[in-house]
C-alpha atoms as a PDB file:
ATOM      1  CA  MET A   1       0.000   0.000   0.000  1.00  0.00           C
ATOM      2  CA  ARG A   2       1.176   3.484  -0.790  1.00  0.00           C
ATOM      3  CA  SER A   3       1.364   5.980   2.066  1.00  0.00           C
ATOM      4  CA  PHE A   4      -0.457   9.300   1.967  1.00  0.00           C
ATOM      5  CA  ALA A   5       2.788  11.057   1.023  1.00  0.00           C
ATOM      6  CA  GLU A   6       3.273   8.634  -1.873  1.00  0.00           C
ATOM      7  CA  ALA A   7      -0.370   8.851  -2.955  1.00  0.00           C
ATOM      8  CA  THR A   8      -0.149  12.661  -3.089  1.00  0.00           C
ATOM      9  CA  ALA A   9       3.203  12.925  -4.879  1.00  0.00           C
ATOM     10  CA  LEU A  10       3.314  15.852  -7.326  1.00  0.00           C
ATOM     11  CA  SER A  11       5.348  16.443 -10.466  1.00  0.00           C
ATOM     12  CA  GLU A  12       5.604  19.992 -11.817  1.00  0.00           C
ATOM     13  CA  LEU A  13       4.644  20.087 -15.489  1.00  0.00           C
ATOM     14  CA  ARG A  14       5.000  23.845 -15.839  1.00  0.00           C
ATOM     15  CA  ALA A  15       4.372  26.936 -13.726  1.00  0.00           C
ATOM     16  CA  GLY A  16       0.995  26.553 -12.049  1.00  0.00           C
ATOM     17  CA  VAL A  17       0.406  23.000 -13.322  1.00  0.00           C
ATOM     18  CA  HIS A  18       1.298  19.755 -11.542  1.00  0.00           C
ATOM     19  CA  THR A  19       0.533  16.163 -12.435  1.00  0.00           C
ATOM     20  CA  ALA A  20      -0.384  13.419  -9.984  1.00  0.00           C
ATOM     21  CA  ALA A  21      -1.907   9.950  -9.984  1.00  0.00           C
ATOM     22  CA  LEU A  22      -5.116   9.332  -8.039  1.00  0.00           C
ATOM     23  CA  ASP A  23      -4.449   6.134  -6.109  1.00  0.00           C
ATOM     24  CA  SER A  24      -7.189   3.491  -6.333  1.00  0.00           C
ATOM     25  CA  GLU A  25      -6.371   2.412  -2.766  1.00  0.00           C
ATOM     26  CA  TRP A  26      -7.448   5.814  -1.466  1.00  0.00           C
ATOM     27  CA  SER A  27     -11.004   5.221  -2.689  1.00  0.00           C
ATOM     28  CA  ILE A  28     -14.461   4.234  -1.484  1.00  0.00           C
ATOM     29  CA  GLY A  29     -15.440   1.515  -3.907  1.00  0.00           C
ATOM     30  CA  LYS A  30     -14.477   2.796  -7.352  1.00  0.00           C
ATOM     31  CA  ASN A  31     -14.619   6.461  -6.368  1.00  0.00           C
ATOM     32  CA  PRO A  32     -11.476   8.292  -5.189  1.00  0.00           C
ATOM     33  CA  HIS A  33     -12.172   9.625  -1.707  1.00  0.00           C
ATOM     34  CA  GLY A  34     -13.277  13.270  -1.679  1.00  0.00           C
ATOM     35  CA  GLY A  35     -11.104  14.303   1.270  1.00  0.00           C
ATOM     36  CA  TYR A  36      -8.068  12.622  -0.304  1.00  0.00           C
ATOM     37  CA  MET A  37      -8.581  14.459  -3.618  1.00  0.00           C
ATOM     38  CA  MET A  38      -9.177  17.734  -1.794  1.00  0.00           C
ATOM     39  CA  ALA A  39      -5.931  17.258   0.159  1.00  0.00           C
ATOM     40  CA  LEU A  40      -4.024  16.519  -3.052  1.00  0.00           C
ATOM     41  CA  LEU A  41      -5.379  19.670  -4.692  1.00  0.00           C
ATOM     42  CA  THR A  42      -4.598  21.695  -1.566  1.00  0.00           C
ATOM     43  CA  LYS A  43      -1.017  20.429  -1.563  1.00  0.00           C
ATOM     44  CA  ALA A  44      -0.516  21.839  -5.075  1.00  0.00           C
ATOM     45  CA  ALA A  45      -2.184  25.115  -4.089  1.00  0.00           C
ATOM     46  CA  LEU A  46       0.167  25.519  -1.097  1.00  0.00           C
ATOM     47  CA  ARG A  47       3.132  25.327  -3.445  1.00  0.00           C
ATOM     48  CA  THR A  48       1.690  28.084  -5.584  1.00  0.00           C
ATOM     49  CA  ALA A  49       0.713  30.194  -2.572  1.00  0.00           C
ATOM     50  CA  GLN A  50       4.166  29.625  -1.053  1.00  0.00           C
ATOM     51  CA  ARG A  51       2.649  29.126   2.380  1.00  0.00           C
ATOM     52  CA  SER A  52       2.853  26.300   4.921  1.00  0.00           C
ATOM     53  CA  HIS A  53      -0.687  25.642   6.108  1.00  0.00           C
ATOM     54  CA  PRO A  54      -4.176  25.464   4.552  1.00  0.00           C
ATOM     55  CA  LEU A  55      -6.156  27.755   6.850  1.00  0.00           C
ATOM     56  CA  ALA A  56      -9.382  27.295   4.871  1.00  0.00           C
ATOM     57  CA  VAL A  57     -10.319  25.320   1.770  1.00  0.00           C
ATOM     58  CA  SER A  58     -13.642  25.449  -0.058  1.00  0.00           C
ATOM     59  CA  ALA A  59     -14.066  22.797  -2.751  1.00  0.00           C
ATOM     60  CA  HIS A  60     -16.856  22.152  -5.244  1.00  0.00           C
ATOM     61  CA  PHE A  61     -17.048  18.602  -6.584  1.00  0.00           C
ATOM     62  CA  LEU A  62     -18.240  18.841 -10.180  1.00  0.00           C
ATOM     63  CA  ARG A  63     -17.746  15.232 -11.289  1.00  0.00           C
ATOM     64  CA  SER A  64     -16.066  12.117  -9.941  1.00  0.00           C
ATOM     65  CA  PRO A  65     -12.757  11.310 -11.644  1.00  0.00           C
ATOM     66  CA  ASP A  66     -11.349   7.824 -12.105  1.00  0.00           C
ATOM     67  CA  ALA A  67      -8.199   6.575 -10.439  1.00  0.00           C
ATOM     68  CA  GLY A  68      -5.212   7.503 -12.577  1.00  0.00           C
ATOM     69  CA  GLU A  69      -3.463  10.588 -13.896  1.00  0.00           C
ATOM     70  CA  VAL A  70      -4.814  14.077 -13.233  1.00  0.00           C
ATOM     71  CA  GLU A  71      -3.567  17.622 -13.643  1.00  0.00           C
ATOM     72  CA  LEU A  72      -3.695  20.183 -10.842  1.00  0.00           C
ATOM     73  CA  HIS A  73      -3.989  23.765 -12.100  1.00  0.00           C
ATOM     74  CA  THR A  74      -3.293  26.476  -9.533  1.00  0.00           C
ATOM     75  CA  GLU A  75      -3.188  30.273  -9.587  1.00  0.00           C
ATOM     76  CA  ARG A  76      -2.279  32.649  -6.768  1.00  0.00           C
ATOM     77  CA  VAL A  77      -4.795  35.485  -6.644  1.00  0.00           C
ATOM     78  CA  LYS A  78      -3.557  37.234  -3.494  1.00  0.00           C
ATOM     79  CA  ARG A  79      -0.247  37.458  -1.683  1.00  0.00           C
ATOM     80  CA  GLY A  80      -0.729  39.145   1.660  1.00  0.00           C
ATOM     81  CA  ARG A  81       1.349  39.709   4.742  1.00  0.00           C
ATOM     82  CA  LEU A  82      -0.639  37.241   6.851  1.00  0.00           C
ATOM     83  CA  PHE A  83      -2.233  34.947   4.265  1.00  0.00           C
ATOM     84  CA  SER A  84      -2.393  34.177   0.570  1.00  0.00           C
ATOM     85  CA  THR A  85      -5.243  32.910  -1.590  1.00  0.00           C
ATOM     86  CA  ALA A  86      -5.042  30.528  -4.519  1.00  0.00           C
ATOM     87  CA  HIS A  87      -7.554  29.041  -6.929  1.00  0.00           C
ATOM     88  CA  ALA A  88      -7.104  25.366  -7.817  1.00  0.00           C
ATOM     89  CA  ARG A  89      -8.688  22.889 -10.225  1.00  0.00           C
ATOM     90  CA  LEU A  90      -8.338  19.122 -10.519  1.00  0.00           C
ATOM     91  CA  VAL A  91      -8.591  18.186 -14.203  1.00  0.00           C
ATOM     92  CA  GLN A  92      -8.848  14.787 -15.866  1.00  0.00           C
ATOM     93  CA  ASN A  93      -9.094  14.237 -19.624  1.00  0.00           C
ATOM     94  CA  GLY A  94      -9.641  17.948 -20.136  1.00  0.00           C
ATOM     95  CA  LYS A  95     -12.623  18.130 -17.732  1.00  0.00           C
ATOM     96  CA  VAL A  96     -12.597  19.999 -14.439  1.00  0.00           C
ATOM     97  CA  CYS A  97     -13.583  17.603 -11.637  1.00  0.00           C
ATOM     98  CA  ILE A  98     -12.986  19.768  -8.548  1.00  0.00           C
ATOM     99  CA  GLU A  99     -12.697  23.533  -8.143  1.00  0.00           C
ATOM    100  CA  ALA A 100     -11.300  24.957  -4.917  1.00  0.00           C
ATOM    101  CA  THR A 101     -10.249  28.171  -3.246  1.00  0.00           C
ATOM    102  CA  VAL A 102      -7.436  27.801  -0.726  1.00  0.00           C
ATOM    103  CA  THR A 103      -6.561  30.378   1.923  1.00  0.00           C
ATOM    104  CA  ALA A 104      -3.049  29.615   3.109  1.00  0.00           C
ATOM    105  CA  GLY A 105      -0.829  30.973   5.850  1.00  0.00           C
ATOM    106  CA  GLU A 106       0.859  29.843   9.018  1.00  0.00           C
ATOM    107  CA  ILE A 107      -0.761  28.732  12.251  1.00  0.00           C
ATOM    108  CA  SER A 108       1.029  28.300  15.572  1.00  0.00           C
ATOM    109  CA  ASP A 109       0.955  25.370  17.960  1.00  0.00           C
ATOM    110  CA  ALA A 110      -0.227  27.543  20.855  1.00  0.00           C
ATOM    111  CA  ALA A 111      -3.375  26.654  22.780  1.00  0.00           C
ATOM    112  CA  HIS A 112      -6.590  28.376  21.764  1.00  0.00           C
ATOM    113  CA  GLN A 113      -7.164  31.682  23.518  1.00  0.00           C
ATOM    114  CA  TRP A 114     -10.868  30.790  23.894  1.00  0.00           C
ATOM    115  CA  GLU A 115     -13.150  27.874  23.042  1.00  0.00           C
ATOM    116  CA  ALA A 116     -16.953  27.800  23.266  1.00  0.00           C
ATOM    117  CA  ALA A 117     -16.972  24.199  24.469  1.00  0.00           C
ATOM    118  CA  GLN A 118     -14.668  21.366  25.454  1.00  0.00           C
ATOM    119  CA  GLN A 119     -14.283  18.163  23.453  1.00  0.00           C
ATOM    120  CA  PRO A 120     -17.587  16.242  23.388  1.00  0.00           C
ATOM    121  CA  PRO A 121     -17.707  12.840  25.080  1.00  0.00           C
ATOM    122  CA  ILE A 122     -16.402   9.743  23.313  1.00  0.00           C
ATOM    123  CA  LYS A 123     -15.537   6.270  24.524  1.00  0.00           C
ATOM    124  CA  PRO A 124     -11.794   5.573  24.957  1.00  0.00           C
ATOM    125  CA  ILE A 125     -10.234   4.246  21.775  1.00  0.00           C
ATOM    126  CA  ASP A 126      -9.713   0.761  23.233  1.00  0.00           C
ATOM    127  CA  GLU A 127     -13.468   0.542  23.930  1.00  0.00           C
ATOM    128  CA  CYS A 128     -14.341   1.377  20.309  1.00  0.00           C
ATOM    129  CA  PRO A 129     -14.269  -1.721  18.069  1.00  0.00           C
ATOM    130  CA  ASP A 130     -12.564  -1.576  14.688  1.00  0.00           C
ATOM    131  CA  HIS A 131     -15.693  -1.373  12.540  1.00  0.00           C
ATOM    132  CA  ARG A 132     -15.383  -1.788   8.798  1.00  0.00           C
ATOM    133  CA  MET A 133     -17.681   0.264   6.632  1.00  0.00           C
ATOM    134  CA  PRO A 134     -19.762  -1.728   4.087  1.00  0.00           C
ATOM    135  CA  THR A 135     -17.544  -0.972   1.093  1.00  0.00           C
ATOM    136  CA  ASP A 136     -15.145  -2.841  -1.150  1.00  0.00           C
ATOM    137  CA  GLY A 137     -12.817   0.145  -1.414  1.00  0.00           C
ATOM    138  CA  GLY A 138      -9.275   0.250  -0.093  1.00  0.00           C
ATOM    139  CA  LEU A 139      -9.317   3.445   1.966  1.00  0.00           C
ATOM    140  CA  LEU A 140      -9.723   1.653   5.279  1.00  0.00           C
ATOM    141  CA  GLY A 141      -6.460  -0.118   4.667  1.00  0.00           C
ATOM    142  CA  HIS A 142      -4.821   3.258   5.312  1.00  0.00           C
ATOM    143  CA  LEU A 143      -6.870   4.407   8.299  1.00  0.00           C
ATOM    144  CA  ASN A 144      -7.778   2.586  11.457  1.00  0.00           C
ATOM    145  CA  LEU A 145     -11.346   3.733  12.067  1.00  0.00           C
ATOM    146  CA  ARG A 146     -12.896   2.921  15.440  1.00  0.00           C
ATOM    147  CA  LEU A 147     -16.497   3.986  15.901  1.00  0.00           C
ATOM    148  CA  ASP A 148     -17.947   4.857  19.282  1.00  0.00           C
ATOM    149  CA  PRO A 149     -20.626   2.238  20.054  1.00  0.00           C
ATOM    150  CA  HIS A 150     -23.140   5.123  20.066  1.00  0.00           C
ATOM    151  CA  SER A 151     -22.558   5.462  16.312  1.00  0.00           C
ATOM    152  CA  THR A 152     -23.025   1.867  15.166  1.00  0.00           C
ATOM    153  CA  ALA A 153     -26.821   1.620  14.977  1.00  0.00           C
ATOM    154  CA  PHE A 154     -26.697   1.596  11.156  1.00  0.00           C
ATOM    155  CA  LEU A 155     -24.529  -1.538  11.237  1.00  0.00           C
ATOM    156  CA  ARG A 156     -27.417  -3.297  13.031  1.00  0.00           C
ATOM    157  CA  GLY A 157     -30.041  -1.942  10.641  1.00  0.00           C
ATOM    158  CA  GLU A 158     -31.262   0.545  13.263  1.00  0.00           C
ATOM    159  CA  THR A 159     -31.628   4.340  13.243  1.00  0.00           C
ATOM    160  CA  ASP A 160     -30.092   6.937  15.542  1.00  0.00           C
ATOM    161  CA  ASP A 161     -29.892  10.710  16.050  1.00  0.00           C
ATOM    162  CA  GLY A 162     -27.862  11.702  12.975  1.00  0.00           C
ATOM    163  CA  GLU A 163     -24.544  11.987  14.819  1.00  0.00           C
ATOM    164  CA  VAL A 164     -21.369   9.939  14.381  1.00  0.00           C
ATOM    165  CA  ARG A 165     -18.195   9.919  16.452  1.00  0.00           C
ATOM    166  CA  GLY A 166     -15.071   7.816  16.291  1.00  0.00           C
ATOM    167  CA  TRP A 167     -11.290   7.602  16.491  1.00  0.00           C
ATOM    168  CA  MET A 168      -8.903   7.620  13.524  1.00  0.00           C
ATOM    169  CA  GLU A 169      -5.260   6.633  13.101  1.00  0.00           C
ATOM    170  CA  LEU A 170      -3.102   6.361   9.996  1.00  0.00           C
ATOM    171  CA  THR A 171      -1.998   2.753   9.628  1.00  0.00           C
ATOM    172  CA  ASP A 172       1.471   3.646   8.263  1.00  0.00           C
ATOM    173  CA  GLY A 173       2.424   4.990  11.693  1.00  0.00           C
ATOM    174  CA  THR A 174       2.573   8.654  10.710  1.00  0.00           C
ATOM    175  CA  ASP A 175       0.660  11.302  12.627  1.00  0.00           C
ATOM    176  CA  PHE A 176      -2.054  13.552  11.253  1.00  0.00           C
ATOM    177  CA  ASP A 177      -1.003  16.889   9.788  1.00  0.00           C
ATOM    178  CA  PRO A 178      -2.876  19.822   8.197  1.00  0.00           C
ATOM    179  CA  LEU A 179      -3.329  17.886   4.919  1.00  0.00           C
ATOM    180  CA  THR A 180      -4.353  14.499   6.297  1.00  0.00           C
ATOM    181  CA  LEU A 181      -6.850  16.287   8.554  1.00  0.00           C
ATOM    182  CA  ILE A 182      -8.734  17.088   5.327  1.00  0.00           C
ATOM    183  CA  VAL A 183      -9.175  13.335   4.928  1.00  0.00           C
ATOM    184  CA  ALA A 184     -10.210  13.033   8.587  1.00  0.00           C
ATOM    185  CA  VAL A 185     -13.098  15.522   8.375  1.00  0.00           C
ATOM    186  CA  ASP A 186     -14.568  13.443   5.537  1.00  0.00           C
ATOM    187  CA  MET A 187     -13.749  10.011   6.924  1.00  0.00           C
ATOM    188  CA  LEU A 188     -16.558   8.957   9.270  1.00  0.00           C
ATOM    189  CA  PRO A 189     -19.551   7.071   7.828  1.00  0.00           C
ATOM    190  CA  PRO A 190     -22.257   9.404   6.460  1.00  0.00           C
ATOM    191  CA  THR A 191     -24.505  10.636   9.248  1.00  0.00           C
ATOM    192  CA  VAL A 192     -27.580   9.762   7.176  1.00  0.00           C
ATOM    193  CA  PHE A 193     -26.768   6.038   7.462  1.00  0.00           C
ATOM    194  CA  GLY A 194     -28.272   6.337  10.937  1.00  0.00           C
ATOM    195  CA  LEU A 195     -31.350   7.997   9.443  1.00  0.00           C
ATOM    196  CA  GLY A 196     -32.250   5.025   7.259  1.00  0.00           C
ATOM    197  CA  GLN A 197     -30.253   6.041   4.173  1.00  0.00           C
ATOM    198  CA  SER A 198     -27.617   3.942   2.402  1.00  0.00           C
ATOM    199  CA  GLY A 199     -25.209   3.833  -0.524  1.00  0.00           C
ATOM    200  CA  TRP A 200     -22.560   6.207  -1.817  1.00  0.00           C
ATOM    201  CA  CYS A 201     -23.327   9.781  -0.681  1.00  0.00           C
ATOM    202  CA  PRO A 202     -21.475  12.135  -3.055  1.00  0.00           C
ATOM    203  CA  THR A 203     -20.132  15.388  -1.633  1.00  0.00           C
ATOM    204  CA  VAL A 204     -21.160  18.456  -3.641  1.00  0.00           C
ATOM    205  CA  GLU A 205     -19.343  21.130  -1.611  1.00  0.00           C
ATOM    206  CA  LEU A 206     -16.986  20.885   1.355  1.00  0.00           C
ATOM    207  CA  THR A 207     -15.400  23.677   3.373  1.00  0.00           C
ATOM    208  CA  TYR A 208     -12.483  22.804   5.659  1.00  0.00           C
ATOM    209  CA  GLN A 209     -10.848  24.962   8.323  1.00  0.00           C
ATOM    210  CA  LEU A 210      -7.575  24.215  10.104  1.00  0.00           C
ATOM    211  CA  ARG A 211      -7.901  25.378  13.719  1.00  0.00           C
ATOM    212  CA  ALA A 212      -4.606  24.159  15.225  1.00  0.00           C
ATOM    213  CA  LEU A 213      -1.638  21.918  14.479  1.00  0.00           C
ATOM    214  CA  PRO A 214      -2.471  18.392  15.688  1.00  0.00           C
ATOM    215  CA  ALA A 215      -0.466  16.653  18.389  1.00  0.00           C
ATOM    216  CA  PRO A 216       0.918  13.162  17.735  1.00  0.00           C
ATOM    217  CA  GLY A 217      -1.492  10.294  18.223  1.00  0.00           C
ATOM    218  CA  PRO A 218      -5.015   9.403  17.129  1.00  0.00           C
ATOM    219  CA  VAL A 219      -7.664  12.023  16.447  1.00  0.00           C
ATOM    220  CA  ALA A 220     -11.334  11.947  17.427  1.00  0.00           C
ATOM    221  CA  GLY A 221     -13.931  12.981  14.868  1.00  0.00           C
ATOM    222  CA  TYR A 222     -17.516  14.085  15.417  1.00  0.00           C
ATOM    223  CA  THR A 223     -20.091  14.660  12.667  1.00  0.00           C
ATOM    224  CA  ARG A 224     -23.720  15.654  12.761  1.00  0.00           C
ATOM    225  CA  CYS A 225     -26.555  16.264  10.305  1.00  0.00           C
ATOM    226  CA  ASP A 226     -28.966  19.116  10.972  1.00  0.00           C
ATOM    227  CA  ALA A 227     -31.471  18.314   8.228  1.00  0.00           C
ATOM    228  CA  LEU A 228     -32.112  15.737   5.504  1.00  0.00           C
ATOM    229  CA  SER A 229     -34.391  17.170   2.840  1.00  0.00           C
ATOM    230  CA  ALA A 230     -37.147  15.246   1.089  1.00  0.00           C
ATOM    231  CA  ASP A 231     -34.977  15.396  -2.042  1.00  0.00           C
ATOM    232  CA  GLY A 232     -32.041  13.734  -0.310  1.00  0.00           C
ATOM    233  CA  TRP A 233     -29.811  16.776   0.296  1.00  0.00           C
ATOM    234  CA  PHE A 234     -28.151  16.921   3.700  1.00  0.00           C
ATOM    235  CA  ASN A 235     -25.507  18.893   5.538  1.00  0.00           C
ATOM    236  CA  GLU A 236     -22.736  17.299   7.537  1.00  0.00           C
ATOM    237  CA  ASP A 237     -20.757  19.318  10.069  1.00  0.00           C
ATOM    238  CA  ALA A 238     -17.517  17.845  11.411  1.00  0.00           C
ATOM    239  CA  ALA A 239     -15.126  18.654  14.241  1.00  0.00           C
ATOM    240  CA  VAL A 240     -11.817  16.882  14.870  1.00  0.00           C
ATOM    241  CA  TYR A 241      -9.913  16.903  18.179  1.00  0.00           C
ATOM    242  CA  ASP A 242      -6.335  15.740  18.701  1.00  0.00           C
ATOM    243  CA  SER A 243      -4.891  13.594  21.494  1.00  0.00           C
ATOM    244  CA  ARG A 244      -4.685  16.684  23.758  1.00  0.00           C
ATOM    245  CA  GLY A 245      -8.408  17.304  23.384  1.00  0.00           C
ATOM    246  CA  ARG A 246      -7.732  20.415  21.292  1.00  0.00           C
ATOM    247  CA  LEU A 247      -9.984  21.351  18.378  1.00  0.00           C
ATOM    248  CA  VAL A 248      -7.761  21.051  15.295  1.00  0.00           C
ATOM    249  CA  ALA A 249     -10.137  21.000  12.304  1.00  0.00           C
ATOM    250  CA  GLN A 250     -13.720  21.764  11.349  1.00  0.00           C
ATOM    251  CA  SER A 251     -15.752  21.326   8.193  1.00  0.00           C
ATOM    252  CA  ARG A 252     -19.200  21.650   6.675  1.00  0.00           C
ATOM    253  CA  GLN A 253     -20.341  19.864   3.573  1.00  0.00           C
ATOM    254  CA  LEU A 254     -23.412  19.537   1.397  1.00  0.00           C
ATOM    255  CA  ALA A 255     -23.996  16.020   0.106  1.00  0.00           C
ATOM    256  CA  LEU A 256     -26.669  13.879  -1.550  1.00  0.00           C
ATOM    257  CA  SER A 257     -28.066  10.755   0.057  1.00  0.00           C
ATOM    258  CA  GLY A 258     -27.213   7.525  -1.737  1.00  0.00           C
ATOM    259  CA  THR A 259     -30.817   6.366  -1.352  1.00  0.00           C
ATOM    260  CA  ALA A 260     -32.090   9.493  -3.114  1.00  0.00           C
ATOM    261  CA  LEU A 261     -29.414   9.108  -5.791  1.00  0.00           C
ATOM    262  CA  LYS A 262     -30.580   5.564  -6.597  1.00  0.00           C
ATOM    263  CA  ASN A 263     -34.167   6.758  -6.978  1.00  0.00           C
ATOM    264  CA  ARG A 264     -33.330   9.433  -9.564  1.00  0.00           C
END
């Protein structure tokens, strides 16, 4: 298996254009994982922005590419004293698959000056079984995902309250960083599985925010859905805490229920 660093390797084709290969092992079924592709695109944008950290990334998923070669087109639109902004596109066979805006800068490892709430409750990692999602994809070979027993109703064919929480570790022994946290915010099973929905739930838009540099060790993720529309559209808000209990990443996405997708 290729590590995250290997699966996000970039080759510069010319100024503002890099090539990369979407790794089939970083997929859910036949579809490259959205967080993985977003992290790959962000990595190219950071090079163009000439900054260290992705403070905020907003990505629109226009179509799902296949595993294989892609081009990453980036353009810096602002170079500021505290942050820079770049536009980025993931292109395959001449078609734009993802469009993103990346705000990049530097964030310190200092504790937050203020937080509205402490880390929500979660069972210790050794009390959370290693649940495998119902997929034939290879992504879970790279991440050890342990769901809190509160979040496993869908595995028993039951419904719950539209919230999911669980622990995540990279199986290659590396720790999470600002790029792999983009994978983490999109890693837990869709919240709507606990609301009676099933199947692949494609992300349409995802906004990620880096809130702090993560400490070594596993991270705990929490996602919730506020509303599932009659047409199958739902939001999913995520928060990720590191081993210190510090909030390190947040996200919000708009996605379409797999059940609704099958019925269209």
